[in-house]
Amino acid sequence: MNEIVTKEDFERVVCELNKELKRRYHDFEGITFFGSRNRDGEAFAPGSDFDIVVLFSEKPHWKKENEVLDLIYEKELEYDIIIDAKVYQRAEIKKQNTPFRVNVYREGMFYGA
């Protein structure tokens, strides 16, 4: 098991997820990594989760969302980390100006598929 403690460490996990999601879903667009683990120089609590938004060009059906979350859960087990993942259609998350969505776009790092 590889230890995941830094932003750079987690970027490897994001790349693995991107590769697998692109292989499985034609409409997968990428992952946005945000939150305290993504902020440079910010202290975070040991065991703090990694926040991501998984984006698709088409609105994900509940079955696809569950498949994506299952894949992410496998990475959590593999790396002994906690990932707080949300699954959205990219247009949907851009559409509304909520504090969550503003936060994702203001501080998030997008990793395209």
PDB file of N, CA and C in Angstrom:
ATOM      1  N   MET A   1       0.848  -1.177   0.000  1.00  0.00           N
ATOM      2  CA  MET A   1       0.000   0.000   0.000  1.00  0.00           C
ATOM      3  C   MET A   1       0.892   1.238   0.000  1.00  0.00           C
ATOM      4  N   ASN A   2       0.607   2.178  -0.896  1.00  0.00           N
ATOM      5  CA  ASN A   2       1.347   3.433  -0.953  1.00  0.00           C
ATOM      6  C   ASN A   2       0.696   4.436  -0.013  1.00  0.00           C
ATOM      7  N   GLU A   3       1.512   5.142   0.746  1.00  0.00           N
ATOM      8  CA  GLU A   3       0.973   6.128   1.672  1.00  0.00           C
ATOM      9  C   GLU A   3       0.611   7.397   0.914  1.00  0.00           C
ATOM     10  N   ILE A   4      -0.574   7.888   1.141  1.00  0.00           N
ATOM     11  CA  ILE A   4      -1.083   9.098   0.495  1.00  0.00           C
ATOM     12  C   ILE A   4      -1.206  10.171   1.564  1.00  0.00           C
ATOM     13  N   VAL A   5      -0.292  11.134   1.544  1.00  0.00           N
ATOM     14  CA  VAL A   5      -0.344  12.182   2.557  1.00  0.00           C
ATOM     15  C   VAL A   5      -0.302  13.593   1.977  1.00  0.00           C
ATOM     16  N   THR A   6       0.225  13.765   0.792  1.00  0.00           N
ATOM     17  CA  THR A   6       0.330  15.103   0.214  1.00  0.00           C
ATOM     18  C   THR A   6      -0.595  15.244  -0.988  1.00  0.00           C
ATOM     19  N   LYS A   7      -0.748  16.484  -1.407  1.00  0.00           N
ATOM     20  CA  LYS A   7      -1.525  16.790  -2.599  1.00  0.00           C
ATOM     21  C   LYS A   7      -0.958  16.032  -3.802  1.00  0.00           C
ATOM     22  N   GLU A   8       0.356  16.025  -3.919  1.00  0.00           N
ATOM     23  CA  GLU A   8       1.015  15.342  -5.038  1.00  0.00           C
ATOM     24  C   GLU A   8       0.762  13.835  -4.996  1.00  0.00           C
ATOM     25  N   ASP A   9       0.761  13.254  -3.797  1.00  0.00           N
ATOM     26  CA  ASP A   9       0.457  11.830  -3.661  1.00  0.00           C
ATOM     27  C   ASP A   9      -0.949  11.533  -4.184  1.00  0.00           C
ATOM     28  N   PHE A  10      -1.895  12.387  -3.797  1.00  0.00           N
ATOM     29  CA  PHE A  10      -3.286  12.146  -4.190  1.00  0.00           C
ATOM     30  C   PHE A  10      -3.488  12.347  -5.686  1.00  0.00           C
ATOM     31  N   GLU A  11      -2.684  13.192  -6.300  1.00  0.00           N
ATOM     32  CA  GLU A  11      -2.795  13.395  -7.743  1.00  0.00           C
ATOM     33  C   GLU A  11      -2.576  12.082  -8.498  1.00  0.00           C
ATOM     34  N   ARG A  12      -1.756  11.199  -7.966  1.00  0.00           N
ATOM     35  CA  ARG A  12      -1.575   9.869  -8.576  1.00  0.00           C
ATOM     36  C   ARG A  12      -2.892   9.097  -8.567  1.00  0.00           C
ATOM     37  N   VAL A  13      -3.599   9.172  -7.446  1.00  0.00           N
ATOM     38  CA  VAL A  13      -4.893   8.490  -7.329  1.00  0.00           C
ATOM     39  C   VAL A  13      -5.884   9.078  -8.337  1.00  0.00           C
ATOM     40  N   VAL A  14      -5.901  10.405  -8.460  1.00  0.00           N
ATOM     41  CA  VAL A  14      -6.790  11.069  -9.419  1.00  0.00           C
ATOM     42  C   VAL A  14      -6.471  10.604 -10.841  1.00  0.00           C
ATOM     43  N   CYS A  15      -5.210  10.498 -11.175  1.00  0.00           N
ATOM     44  CA  CYS A  15      -4.820  10.028 -12.516  1.00  0.00           C
ATOM     45  C   CYS A  15      -5.289   8.596 -12.757  1.00  0.00           C
ATOM     46  N   GLU A  16      -5.180   7.745 -11.741  1.00  0.00           N
ATOM     47  CA  GLU A  16      -5.665   6.365 -11.864  1.00  0.00           C
ATOM     48  C   GLU A  16      -7.178   6.346 -12.084  1.00  0.00           C
ATOM     49  N   LEU A  17      -7.899   7.156 -11.300  1.00  0.00           N
ATOM     50  CA  LEU A  17      -9.349   7.228 -11.449  1.00  0.00           C
ATOM     51  C   LEU A  17      -9.725   7.761 -12.830  1.00  0.00           C
ATOM     52  N   ASN A  18      -9.040   8.814 -13.278  1.00  0.00           N
ATOM     53  CA  ASN A  18      -9.311   9.382 -14.598  1.00  0.00           C
ATOM     54  C   ASN A  18      -9.173   8.324 -15.687  1.00  0.00           C
ATOM     55  N   LYS A  19      -8.098   7.577 -15.625  1.00  0.00           N
ATOM     56  CA  LYS A  19      -7.830   6.559 -16.639  1.00  0.00           C
ATOM     57  C   LYS A  19      -8.948   5.504 -16.665  1.00  0.00           C
ATOM     58  N   GLU A  20      -9.331   5.028 -15.493  1.00  0.00           N
ATOM     59  CA  GLU A  20     -10.362   3.986 -15.423  1.00  0.00           C
ATOM     60  C   GLU A  20     -11.734   4.530 -15.816  1.00  0.00           C
ATOM     61  N   LEU A  21     -12.072   5.740 -15.372  1.00  0.00           N
ATOM     62  CA  LEU A  21     -13.379   6.311 -15.709  1.00  0.00           C
ATOM     63  C   LEU A  21     -13.484   6.611 -17.202  1.00  0.00           C
ATOM     64  N   LYS A  22     -12.397   7.080 -17.803  1.00  0.00           N
ATOM     65  CA  LYS A  22     -12.390   7.344 -19.243  1.00  0.00           C
ATOM     66  C   LYS A  22     -12.584   6.042 -20.024  1.00  0.00           C
ATOM     67  N   ARG A  23     -11.987   4.960 -19.546  1.00  0.00           N
ATOM     68  CA  ARG A  23     -12.127   3.660 -20.188  1.00  0.00           C
ATOM     69  C   ARG A  23     -13.584   3.167 -20.120  1.00  0.00           C
ATOM     70  N   ARG A  24     -14.245   3.429 -18.996  1.00  0.00           N
ATOM     71  CA  ARG A  24     -15.600   2.910 -18.784  1.00  0.00           C
ATOM     72  C   ARG A  24     -16.708   3.772 -19.378  1.00  0.00           C
ATOM     73  N   TYR A  25     -16.516   5.095 -19.393  1.00  0.00           N
ATOM     74  CA  TYR A  25     -17.616   6.003 -19.745  1.00  0.00           C
ATOM     75  C   TYR A  25     -17.183   7.004 -20.820  1.00  0.00           C
ATOM     76  N   HIS A  26     -17.877   6.987 -21.947  1.00  0.00           N
ATOM     77  CA  HIS A  26     -17.542   7.883 -23.055  1.00  0.00           C
ATOM     78  C   HIS A  26     -17.771   9.357 -22.711  1.00  0.00           C
ATOM     79  N   ASP A  27     -18.669   9.637 -21.771  1.00  0.00           N
ATOM     80  CA  ASP A  27     -19.011  11.024 -21.446  1.00  0.00           C
ATOM     81  C   ASP A  27     -18.277  11.557 -20.218  1.00  0.00           C
ATOM     82  N   PHE A  28     -17.302  10.804 -19.714  1.00  0.00           N
ATOM     83  CA  PHE A  28     -16.521  11.270 -18.564  1.00  0.00           C
ATOM     84  C   PHE A  28     -15.633  12.428 -19.001  1.00  0.00           C
ATOM     85  N   GLU A  29     -15.642  13.514 -18.227  1.00  0.00           N
ATOM     86  CA  GLU A  29     -14.870  14.702 -18.592  1.00  0.00           C
ATOM     87  C   GLU A  29     -13.662  14.951 -17.694  1.00  0.00           C
ATOM     88  N   GLY A  30     -13.726  14.516 -16.448  1.00  0.00           N
ATOM     89  CA  GLY A  30     -12.585  14.736 -15.565  1.00  0.00           C
ATOM     90  C   GLY A  30     -13.007  14.853 -14.113  1.00  0.00           C
ATOM     91  N   ILE A  31     -12.000  15.150 -13.285  1.00  0.00           N
ATOM     92  CA  ILE A  31     -12.187  15.246 -11.836  1.00  0.00           C
ATOM     93  C   ILE A  31     -11.653  16.590 -11.357  1.00  0.00           C
ATOM     94  N   THR A  32     -12.420  17.243 -10.487  1.00  0.00           N
ATOM     95  CA  THR A  32     -11.949  18.451  -9.820  1.00  0.00           C
ATOM     96  C   THR A  32     -11.620  18.093  -8.378  1.00  0.00           C
ATOM     97  N   PHE A  33     -10.380  18.372  -7.978  1.00  0.00           N
ATOM     98  CA  PHE A  33      -9.878  18.127  -6.619  1.00  0.00           C
ATOM     99  C   PHE A  33      -9.890  19.467  -5.908  1.00  0.00           C
ATOM    100  N   PHE A  34     -10.573  19.531  -4.771  1.00  0.00           N
ATOM    101  CA  PHE A  34     -10.699  20.783  -4.030  1.00  0.00           C
ATOM    102  C   PHE A  34     -10.659  20.492  -2.540  1.00  0.00           C
ATOM    103  N   GLY A  35     -10.870  21.495  -1.726  1.00  0.00           N
ATOM    104  CA  GLY A  35     -10.931  21.311  -0.280  1.00  0.00           C
ATOM    105  C   GLY A  35      -9.593  21.531   0.399  1.00  0.00           C
ATOM    106  N   SER A  36      -9.559  21.270   1.694  1.00  0.00           N
ATOM    107  CA  SER A  36      -8.373  21.583   2.500  1.00  0.00           C
ATOM    108  C   SER A  36      -7.134  20.826   2.043  1.00  0.00           C
ATOM    109  N   ARG A  37      -7.289  19.616   1.564  1.00  0.00           N
ATOM    110  CA  ARG A  37      -6.133  18.832   1.102  1.00  0.00           C
ATOM    111  C   ARG A  37      -5.535  19.392  -0.181  1.00  0.00           C
ATOM    112  N   ASN A  38      -6.300  20.207  -0.897  1.00  0.00           N
ATOM    113  CA  ASN A  38      -5.819  20.791  -2.144  1.00  0.00           C
ATOM    114  C   ASN A  38      -5.215  22.181  -1.952  1.00  0.00           C
ATOM    115  N   ARG A  39      -5.490  22.804  -0.840  1.00  0.00           N
ATOM    116  CA  ARG A  39      -5.001  24.170  -0.610  1.00  0.00           C
ATOM    117  C   ARG A  39      -3.537  24.154  -0.201  1.00  0.00           C
ATOM    118  N   ASP A  40      -2.740  24.951  -0.905  1.00  0.00           N
ATOM    119  CA  ASP A  40      -1.313  25.046  -0.587  1.00  0.00           C
ATOM    120  C   ASP A  40      -1.105  25.704   0.772  1.00  0.00           C
ATOM    121  N   GLY A  41      -0.283  25.063   1.574  1.00  0.00           N
ATOM    122  CA  GLY A  41       0.109  25.637   2.851  1.00  0.00           C
ATOM    123  C   GLY A  41      -0.919  25.561   3.955  1.00  0.00           C
ATOM    124  N   GLU A  42      -2.084  25.011   3.677  1.00  0.00           N
ATOM    125  CA  GLU A  42      -3.099  24.933   4.729  1.00  0.00           C
ATOM    126  C   GLU A  42      -2.943  23.635   5.507  1.00  0.00           C
ATOM    127  N   ALA A  43      -2.999  23.778   6.810  1.00  0.00           N
ATOM    128  CA  ALA A  43      -2.928  22.585   7.659  1.00  0.00           C
ATOM    129  C   ALA A  43      -4.276  21.867   7.620  1.00  0.00           C
ATOM    130  N   PHE A  44      -4.223  20.563   7.664  1.00  0.00           N
ATOM    131  CA  PHE A  44      -5.445  19.784   7.723  1.00  0.00           C
ATOM    132  C   PHE A  44      -5.252  18.711   8.778  1.00  0.00           C
ATOM    133  N   ALA A  45      -6.356  18.257   9.317  1.00  0.00           N
ATOM    134  CA  ALA A  45      -6.305  17.265  10.385  1.00  0.00           C
ATOM    135  C   ALA A  45      -5.828  15.927   9.839  1.00  0.00           C
ATOM    136  N   PRO A  46      -5.061  15.187  10.639  1.00  0.00           N
ATOM    137  CA  PRO A  46      -4.694  13.835  10.205  1.00  0.00           C
ATOM    138  C   PRO A  46      -5.969  13.037   9.941  1.00  0.00           C
ATOM    139  N   GLY A  47      -5.975  12.304   8.855  1.00  0.00           N
ATOM    140  CA  GLY A  47      -7.166  11.544   8.496  1.00  0.00           C
ATOM    141  C   GLY A  47      -8.207  12.357   7.758  1.00  0.00           C
ATOM    142  N   SER A  48      -7.876  13.615   7.451  1.00  0.00           N
ATOM    143  CA  SER A  48      -8.795  14.468   6.700  1.00  0.00           C
ATOM    144  C   SER A  48      -9.097  13.846   5.343  1.00  0.00           C
ATOM    145  N   ASP A  49     -10.321  14.054   4.852  1.00  0.00           N
ATOM    146  CA  ASP A  49     -10.699  13.451   3.574  1.00  0.00           C
ATOM    147  C   ASP A  49     -10.173  14.249   2.385  1.00  0.00           C
ATOM    148  N   PHE A  50     -10.241  13.618   1.229  1.00  0.00           N
ATOM    149  CA  PHE A  50      -9.889  14.229  -0.041  1.00  0.00           C
ATOM    150  C   PHE A  50     -11.200  14.499  -0.771  1.00  0.00           C
ATOM    151  N   ASP A  51     -11.437  15.757  -1.144  1.00  0.00           N
ATOM    152  CA  ASP A  51     -12.695  16.160  -1.766  1.00  0.00           C
ATOM    153  C   ASP A  51     -12.545  16.211  -3.280  1.00  0.00           C
ATOM    154  N   ILE A  52     -13.447  15.512  -3.981  1.00  0.00           N
ATOM    155  CA  ILE A  52     -13.433  15.543  -5.438  1.00  0.00           C
ATOM    156  C   ILE A  52     -14.848  15.646  -5.988  1.00  0.00           C
ATOM    157  N   VAL A  53     -14.934  16.193  -7.200  1.00  0.00           N
ATOM    158  CA  VAL A  53     -16.172  16.184  -7.978  1.00  0.00           C
ATOM    159  C   VAL A  53     -15.837  15.478  -9.291  1.00  0.00           C
ATOM    160  N   VAL A  54     -16.616  14.454  -9.612  1.00  0.00           N
ATOM    161  CA  VAL A  54     -16.452  13.684 -10.838  1.00  0.00           C
ATOM    162  C   VAL A  54     -17.460  14.225 -11.849  1.00  0.00           C
ATOM    163  N   LEU A  55     -16.961  14.633 -13.024  1.00  0.00           N
ATOM    164  CA  LEU A  55     -17.794  15.348 -13.986  1.00  0.00           C
ATOM    165  C   LEU A  55     -18.016  14.566 -15.276  1.00  0.00           C
ATOM    166  N   PHE A  56     -19.270  14.616 -15.734  1.00  0.00           N
ATOM    167  CA  PHE A  56     -19.681  13.964 -16.969  1.00  0.00           C
ATOM    168  C   PHE A  56     -20.370  14.987 -17.866  1.00  0.00           C
ATOM    169  N   SER A  57     -20.330  14.754 -19.169  1.00  0.00           N
ATOM    170  CA  SER A  57     -21.022  15.656 -20.092  1.00  0.00           C
ATOM    171  C   SER A  57     -22.533  15.410 -20.076  1.00  0.00           C
ATOM    172  N   GLU A  58     -22.938  14.186 -19.788  1.00  0.00           N
ATOM    173  CA  GLU A  58     -24.353  13.848 -19.688  1.00  0.00           C
ATOM    174  C   GLU A  58     -24.741  13.667 -18.219  1.00  0.00           C
ATOM    175  N   LYS A  59     -26.002  13.928 -17.907  1.00  0.00           N
ATOM    176  CA  LYS A  59     -26.457  13.770 -16.520  1.00  0.00           C
ATOM    177  C   LYS A  59     -26.337  12.304 -16.105  1.00  0.00           C
ATOM    178  N   PRO A  60     -25.557  12.015 -15.051  1.00  0.00           N
ATOM    179  CA  PRO A  60     -25.365  10.625 -14.641  1.00  0.00           C
ATOM    180  C   PRO A  60     -26.632  10.024 -14.027  1.00  0.00           C
ATOM    181  N   HIS A  61     -26.992   8.868 -14.510  1.00  0.00           N
ATOM    182  CA  HIS A  61     -28.084   8.081 -13.959  1.00  0.00           C
ATOM    183  C   HIS A  61     -27.618   7.542 -12.601  1.00  0.00           C
ATOM    184  N   TRP A  62     -28.538   7.235 -11.708  1.00  0.00           N
ATOM    185  CA  TRP A  62     -28.167   6.762 -10.372  1.00  0.00           C
ATOM    186  C   TRP A  62     -27.291   5.520 -10.437  1.00  0.00           C
ATOM    187  N   LYS A  63     -27.517   4.658 -11.437  1.00  0.00           N
ATOM    188  CA  LYS A  63     -26.709   3.450 -11.555  1.00  0.00           C
ATOM    189  C   LYS A  63     -25.253   3.787 -11.867  1.00  0.00           C
ATOM    190  N   LYS A  64     -25.040   4.724 -12.789  1.00  0.00           N
ATOM    191  CA  LYS A  64     -23.679   5.149 -13.122  1.00  0.00           C
ATOM    192  C   LYS A  64     -23.030   5.799 -11.897  1.00  0.00           C
ATOM    193  N   GLU A  65     -23.783   6.637 -11.202  1.00  0.00           N
ATOM    194  CA  GLU A  65     -23.245   7.296 -10.008  1.00  0.00           C
ATOM    195  C   GLU A  65     -22.786   6.252  -8.991  1.00  0.00           C
ATOM    196  N   ASN A  66     -23.585   5.225  -8.775  1.00  0.00           N
ATOM    197  CA  ASN A  66     -23.203   4.167  -7.834  1.00  0.00           C
ATOM    198  C   ASN A  66     -21.968   3.406  -8.292  1.00  0.00           C
ATOM    199  N   GLU A  67     -21.858   3.146  -9.597  1.00  0.00           N
ATOM    200  CA  GLU A  67     -20.666   2.476 -10.134  1.00  0.00           C
ATOM    201  C   GLU A  67     -19.412   3.319  -9.908  1.00  0.00           C
ATOM    202  N   VAL A  68     -19.537   4.617 -10.131  1.00  0.00           N
ATOM    203  CA  VAL A  68     -18.409   5.533  -9.922  1.00  0.00           C
ATOM    204  C   VAL A  68     -18.006   5.544  -8.447  1.00  0.00           C
ATOM    205  N   LEU A  69     -18.986   5.642  -7.571  1.00  0.00           N
ATOM    206  CA  LEU A  69     -18.693   5.658  -6.134  1.00  0.00           C
ATOM    207  C   LEU A  69     -18.094   4.336  -5.666  1.00  0.00           C
ATOM    208  N   ASP A  70     -18.498   3.231  -6.267  1.00  0.00           N
ATOM    209  CA  ASP A  70     -17.898   1.929  -5.950  1.00  0.00           C
ATOM    210  C   ASP A  70     -16.426   1.893  -6.363  1.00  0.00           C
ATOM    211  N   LEU A  71     -16.116   2.430  -7.529  1.00  0.00           N
ATOM    212  CA  LEU A  71     -14.729   2.488  -7.988  1.00  0.00           C
ATOM    213  C   LEU A  71     -13.889   3.350  -7.039  1.00  0.00           C
ATOM    214  N   ILE A  72     -14.444   4.458  -6.614  1.00  0.00           N
ATOM    215  CA  ILE A  72     -13.741   5.338  -5.677  1.00  0.00           C
ATOM    216  C   ILE A  72     -13.539   4.633  -4.341  1.00  0.00           C
ATOM    217  N   TYR A  73     -14.533   3.890  -3.908  1.00  0.00           N
ATOM    218  CA  TYR A  73     -14.417   3.135  -2.658  1.00  0.00           C
ATOM    219  C   TYR A  73     -13.264   2.127  -2.731  1.00  0.00           C
ATOM    220  N   GLU A  74     -13.095   1.502  -3.888  1.00  0.00           N
ATOM    221  CA  GLU A  74     -11.965   0.583  -4.073  1.00  0.00           C
ATOM    222  C   GLU A  74     -10.634   1.303  -3.866  1.00  0.00           C
ATOM    223  N   LYS A  75     -10.533   2.552  -4.358  1.00  0.00           N
ATOM    224  CA  LYS A  75      -9.302   3.345  -4.164  1.00  0.00           C
ATOM    225  C   LYS A  75      -9.129   3.708  -2.687  1.00  0.00           C
ATOM    226  N   GLU A  76     -10.230   3.986  -2.011  1.00  0.00           N
ATOM    227  CA  GLU A  76     -10.145   4.278  -0.576  1.00  0.00           C
ATOM    228  C   GLU A  76      -9.551   3.087   0.173  1.00  0.00           C
ATOM    229  N   LEU A  77     -10.021   1.902  -0.154  1.00  0.00           N
ATOM    230  CA  LEU A  77      -9.504   0.696   0.491  1.00  0.00           C
ATOM    231  C   LEU A  77      -8.053   0.434   0.104  1.00  0.00           C
ATOM    232  N   GLU A  78      -7.739   0.612  -1.173  1.00  0.00           N
ATOM    233  CA  GLU A  78      -6.385   0.359  -1.665  1.00  0.00           C
ATOM    234  C   GLU A  78      -5.360   1.266  -0.992  1.00  0.00           C
ATOM    235  N   TYR A  79      -5.715   2.535  -0.803  1.00  0.00           N
ATOM    236  CA  TYR A  79      -4.763   3.511  -0.272  1.00  0.00           C
ATOM    237  C   TYR A  79      -5.016   3.898   1.181  1.00  0.00           C
ATOM    238  N   ASP A  80      -6.040   3.330   1.800  1.00  0.00           N
ATOM    239  CA  ASP A  80      -6.384   3.631   3.191  1.00  0.00           C
ATOM    240  C   ASP A  80      -6.597   5.137   3.400  1.00  0.00           C
ATOM    241  N   ILE A  81      -7.468   5.699   2.561  1.00  0.00           N
ATOM    242  CA  ILE A  81      -7.811   7.116   2.630  1.00  0.00           C
ATOM    243  C   ILE A  81      -9.325   7.264   2.575  1.00  0.00           C
ATOM    244  N   ILE A  82      -9.794   8.477   2.844  1.00  0.00           N
ATOM    245  CA  ILE A  82     -11.217   8.792   2.734  1.00  0.00           C
ATOM    246  C   ILE A  82     -11.372   9.811   1.618  1.00  0.00           C
ATOM    247  N   ILE A  83     -12.228   9.486   0.650  1.00  0.00           N
ATOM    248  CA  ILE A  83     -12.507  10.383  -0.464  1.00  0.00           C
ATOM    249  C   ILE A  83     -13.975  10.773  -0.395  1.00  0.00           C
ATOM    250  N   ASP A  84     -14.223  12.072  -0.298  1.00  0.00           N
ATOM    251  CA  ASP A  84     -15.598  12.578  -0.344  1.00  0.00           C
ATOM    252  C   ASP A  84     -15.865  12.966  -1.795  1.00  0.00           C
ATOM    253  N   ALA A  85     -16.617  12.138  -2.488  1.00  0.00           N
ATOM    254  CA  ALA A  85     -16.839  12.324  -3.925  1.00  0.00           C
ATOM    255  C   ALA A  85     -18.285  12.679  -4.219  1.00  0.00           C
ATOM    256  N   LYS A  86     -18.439  13.617  -5.138  1.00  0.00           N
ATOM    257  CA  LYS A  86     -19.749  13.997  -5.669  1.00  0.00           C
ATOM    258  C   LYS A  86     -19.699  13.765  -7.173  1.00  0.00           C
ATOM    259  N   VAL A  87     -20.815  13.352  -7.762  1.00  0.00           N
ATOM    260  CA  VAL A  87     -20.886  13.071  -9.185  1.00  0.00           C
ATOM    261  C   VAL A  87     -21.901  14.027  -9.807  1.00  0.00           C
ATOM    262  N   TYR A  88     -21.467  14.767 -10.845  1.00  0.00           N
ATOM    263  CA  TYR A  88     -22.314  15.773 -11.476  1.00  0.00           C
ATOM    264  C   TYR A  88     -22.163  15.763 -12.992  1.00  0.00           C
ATOM    265  N   GLN A  89     -23.174  16.293 -13.636  1.00  0.00           N
ATOM    266  CA  GLN A  89     -23.048  16.697 -15.025  1.00  0.00           C
ATOM    267  C   GLN A  89     -22.321  18.038 -14.986  1.00  0.00           C
ATOM    268  N   ARG A  90     -21.333  18.218 -15.831  1.00  0.00           N
ATOM    269  CA  ARG A  90     -20.513  19.431 -15.772  1.00  0.00           C
ATOM    270  C   ARG A  90     -21.358  20.696 -15.931  1.00  0.00           C
ATOM    271  N   ALA A  91     -22.303  20.695 -16.860  1.00  0.00           N
ATOM    272  CA  ALA A  91     -23.160  21.868 -17.066  1.00  0.00           C
ATOM    273  C   ALA A  91     -24.007  22.156 -15.833  1.00  0.00           C
ATOM    274  N   GLU A  92     -24.418  21.110 -15.127  1.00  0.00           N
ATOM    275  CA  GLU A  92     -25.263  21.271 -13.944  1.00  0.00           C
ATOM    276  C   GLU A  92     -24.509  21.981 -12.818  1.00  0.00           C
ATOM    277  N   ILE A  93     -23.279  21.612 -12.615  1.00  0.00           N
ATOM    278  CA  ILE A  93     -22.531  22.221 -11.507  1.00  0.00           C
ATOM    279  C   ILE A  93     -22.144  23.659 -11.822  1.00  0.00           C
ATOM    280  N   LYS A  94     -22.017  23.992 -13.092  1.00  0.00           N
ATOM    281  CA  LYS A  94     -21.698  25.374 -13.479  1.00  0.00           C
ATOM    282  C   LYS A  94     -22.934  26.276 -13.422  1.00  0.00           C
ATOM    283  N   LYS A  95     -24.111  25.676 -13.521  1.00  0.00           N
ATOM    284  CA  LYS A  95     -25.357  26.403 -13.701  1.00  0.00           C
ATOM    285  C   LYS A  95     -25.762  27.234 -12.481  1.00  0.00           C
ATOM    286  N   GLN A  96     -25.685  26.667 -11.299  1.00  0.00           N
ATOM    287  CA  GLN A  96     -26.195  27.356 -10.118  1.00  0.00           C
ATOM    288  C   GLN A  96     -25.043  27.935  -9.304  1.00  0.00           C
ATOM    289  N   ASN A  97     -25.301  29.074  -8.741  1.00  0.00           N
ATOM    290  CA  ASN A  97     -24.285  29.779  -7.965  1.00  0.00           C
ATOM    291  C   ASN A  97     -24.486  29.503  -6.473  1.00  0.00           C
ATOM    292  N   THR A  98     -24.189  28.282  -6.048  1.00  0.00           N
ATOM    293  CA  THR A  98     -24.285  27.924  -4.633  1.00  0.00           C
ATOM    294  C   THR A  98     -22.896  28.030  -4.000  1.00  0.00           C
ATOM    295  N   PRO A  99     -22.816  28.165  -2.683  1.00  0.00           N
ATOM    296  CA  PRO A  99     -21.500  28.232  -2.034  1.00  0.00           C
ATOM    297  C   PRO A  99     -20.612  27.024  -2.344  1.00  0.00           C
ATOM    298  N   PHE A 100     -21.217  25.832  -2.403  1.00  0.00           N
ATOM    299  CA  PHE A 100     -20.441  24.640  -2.718  1.00  0.00           C
ATOM    300  C   PHE A 100     -19.824  24.751  -4.110  1.00  0.00           C
ATOM    301  N   ARG A 101     -20.621  25.091  -5.087  1.00  0.00           N
ATOM    302  CA  ARG A 101     -20.143  25.150  -6.467  1.00  0.00           C
ATOM    303  C   ARG A 101     -19.136  26.274  -6.674  1.00  0.00           C
ATOM    304  N   VAL A 102     -19.356  27.397  -6.029  1.00  0.00           N
ATOM    305  CA  VAL A 102     -18.382  28.487  -6.099  1.00  0.00           C
ATOM    306  C   VAL A 102     -17.053  28.022  -5.517  1.00  0.00           C
ATOM    307  N   ASN A 103     -17.115  27.318  -4.403  1.00  0.00           N
ATOM    308  CA  ASN A 103     -15.903  26.803  -3.756  1.00  0.00           C
ATOM    309  C   ASN A 103     -15.159  25.821  -4.665  1.00  0.00           C
ATOM    310  N   VAL A 104     -15.883  24.935  -5.312  1.00  0.00           N
ATOM    311  CA  VAL A 104     -15.263  23.951  -6.217  1.00  0.00           C
ATOM    312  C   VAL A 104     -14.510  24.675  -7.329  1.00  0.00           C
ATOM    313  N   TYR A 105     -15.141  25.668  -7.934  1.00  0.00           N
ATOM    314  CA  TYR A 105     -14.498  26.363  -9.053  1.00  0.00           C
ATOM    315  C   TYR A 105     -13.446  27.364  -8.606  1.00  0.00           C
ATOM    316  N   ARG A 106     -13.616  27.962  -7.444  1.00  0.00           N
ATOM    317  CA  ARG A 106     -12.651  28.953  -6.970  1.00  0.00           C
ATOM    318  C   ARG A 106     -11.337  28.295  -6.577  1.00  0.00           C
ATOM    319  N   GLU A 107     -11.419  27.189  -5.872  1.00  0.00           N
ATOM    320  CA  GLU A 107     -10.182  26.591  -5.342  1.00  0.00           C
ATOM    321  C   GLU A 107      -9.824  25.256  -5.963  1.00  0.00           C
ATOM    322  N   GLY A 108     -10.693  24.708  -6.769  1.00  0.00           N
ATOM    323  CA  GLY A 108     -10.458  23.364  -7.297  1.00  0.00           C
ATOM    324  C   GLY A 108      -9.431  23.315  -8.415  1.00  0.00           C
ATOM    325  N   MET A 109      -8.789  22.166  -8.523  1.00  0.00           N
ATOM    326  CA  MET A 109      -7.860  21.871  -9.598  1.00  0.00           C
ATOM    327  C   MET A 109      -8.515  20.819 -10.478  1.00  0.00           C
ATOM    328  N   PHE A 110      -8.739  21.167 -11.751  1.00  0.00           N
ATOM    329  CA  PHE A 110      -9.403  20.252 -12.679  1.00  0.00           C
ATOM    330  C   PHE A 110      -8.375  19.369 -13.367  1.00  0.00           C
ATOM    331  N   TYR A 111      -8.653  18.068 -13.376  1.00  0.00           N
ATOM    332  CA  TYR A 111      -7.832  17.086 -14.072  1.00  0.00           C
ATOM    333  C   TYR A 111      -8.699  16.476 -15.157  1.00  0.00           C
ATOM    334  N   GLY A 112      -8.526  16.921 -16.379  1.00  0.00           N
ATOM    335  CA  GLY A 112      -9.323  16.434 -17.487  1.00  0.00           C
ATOM    336  C   GLY A 112      -8.989  15.008 -17.866  1.00  0.00           C
ATOM    337  N   ALA A 113      -9.982  14.337 -18.401  1.00  0.00           N
ATOM    338  CA  ALA A 113      -9.810  12.937 -18.801  1.00  0.00           C
ATOM    339  C   ALA A 113      -8.897  12.805 -19.994  1.00  0.00           C
TER     340      ALA A 113
END
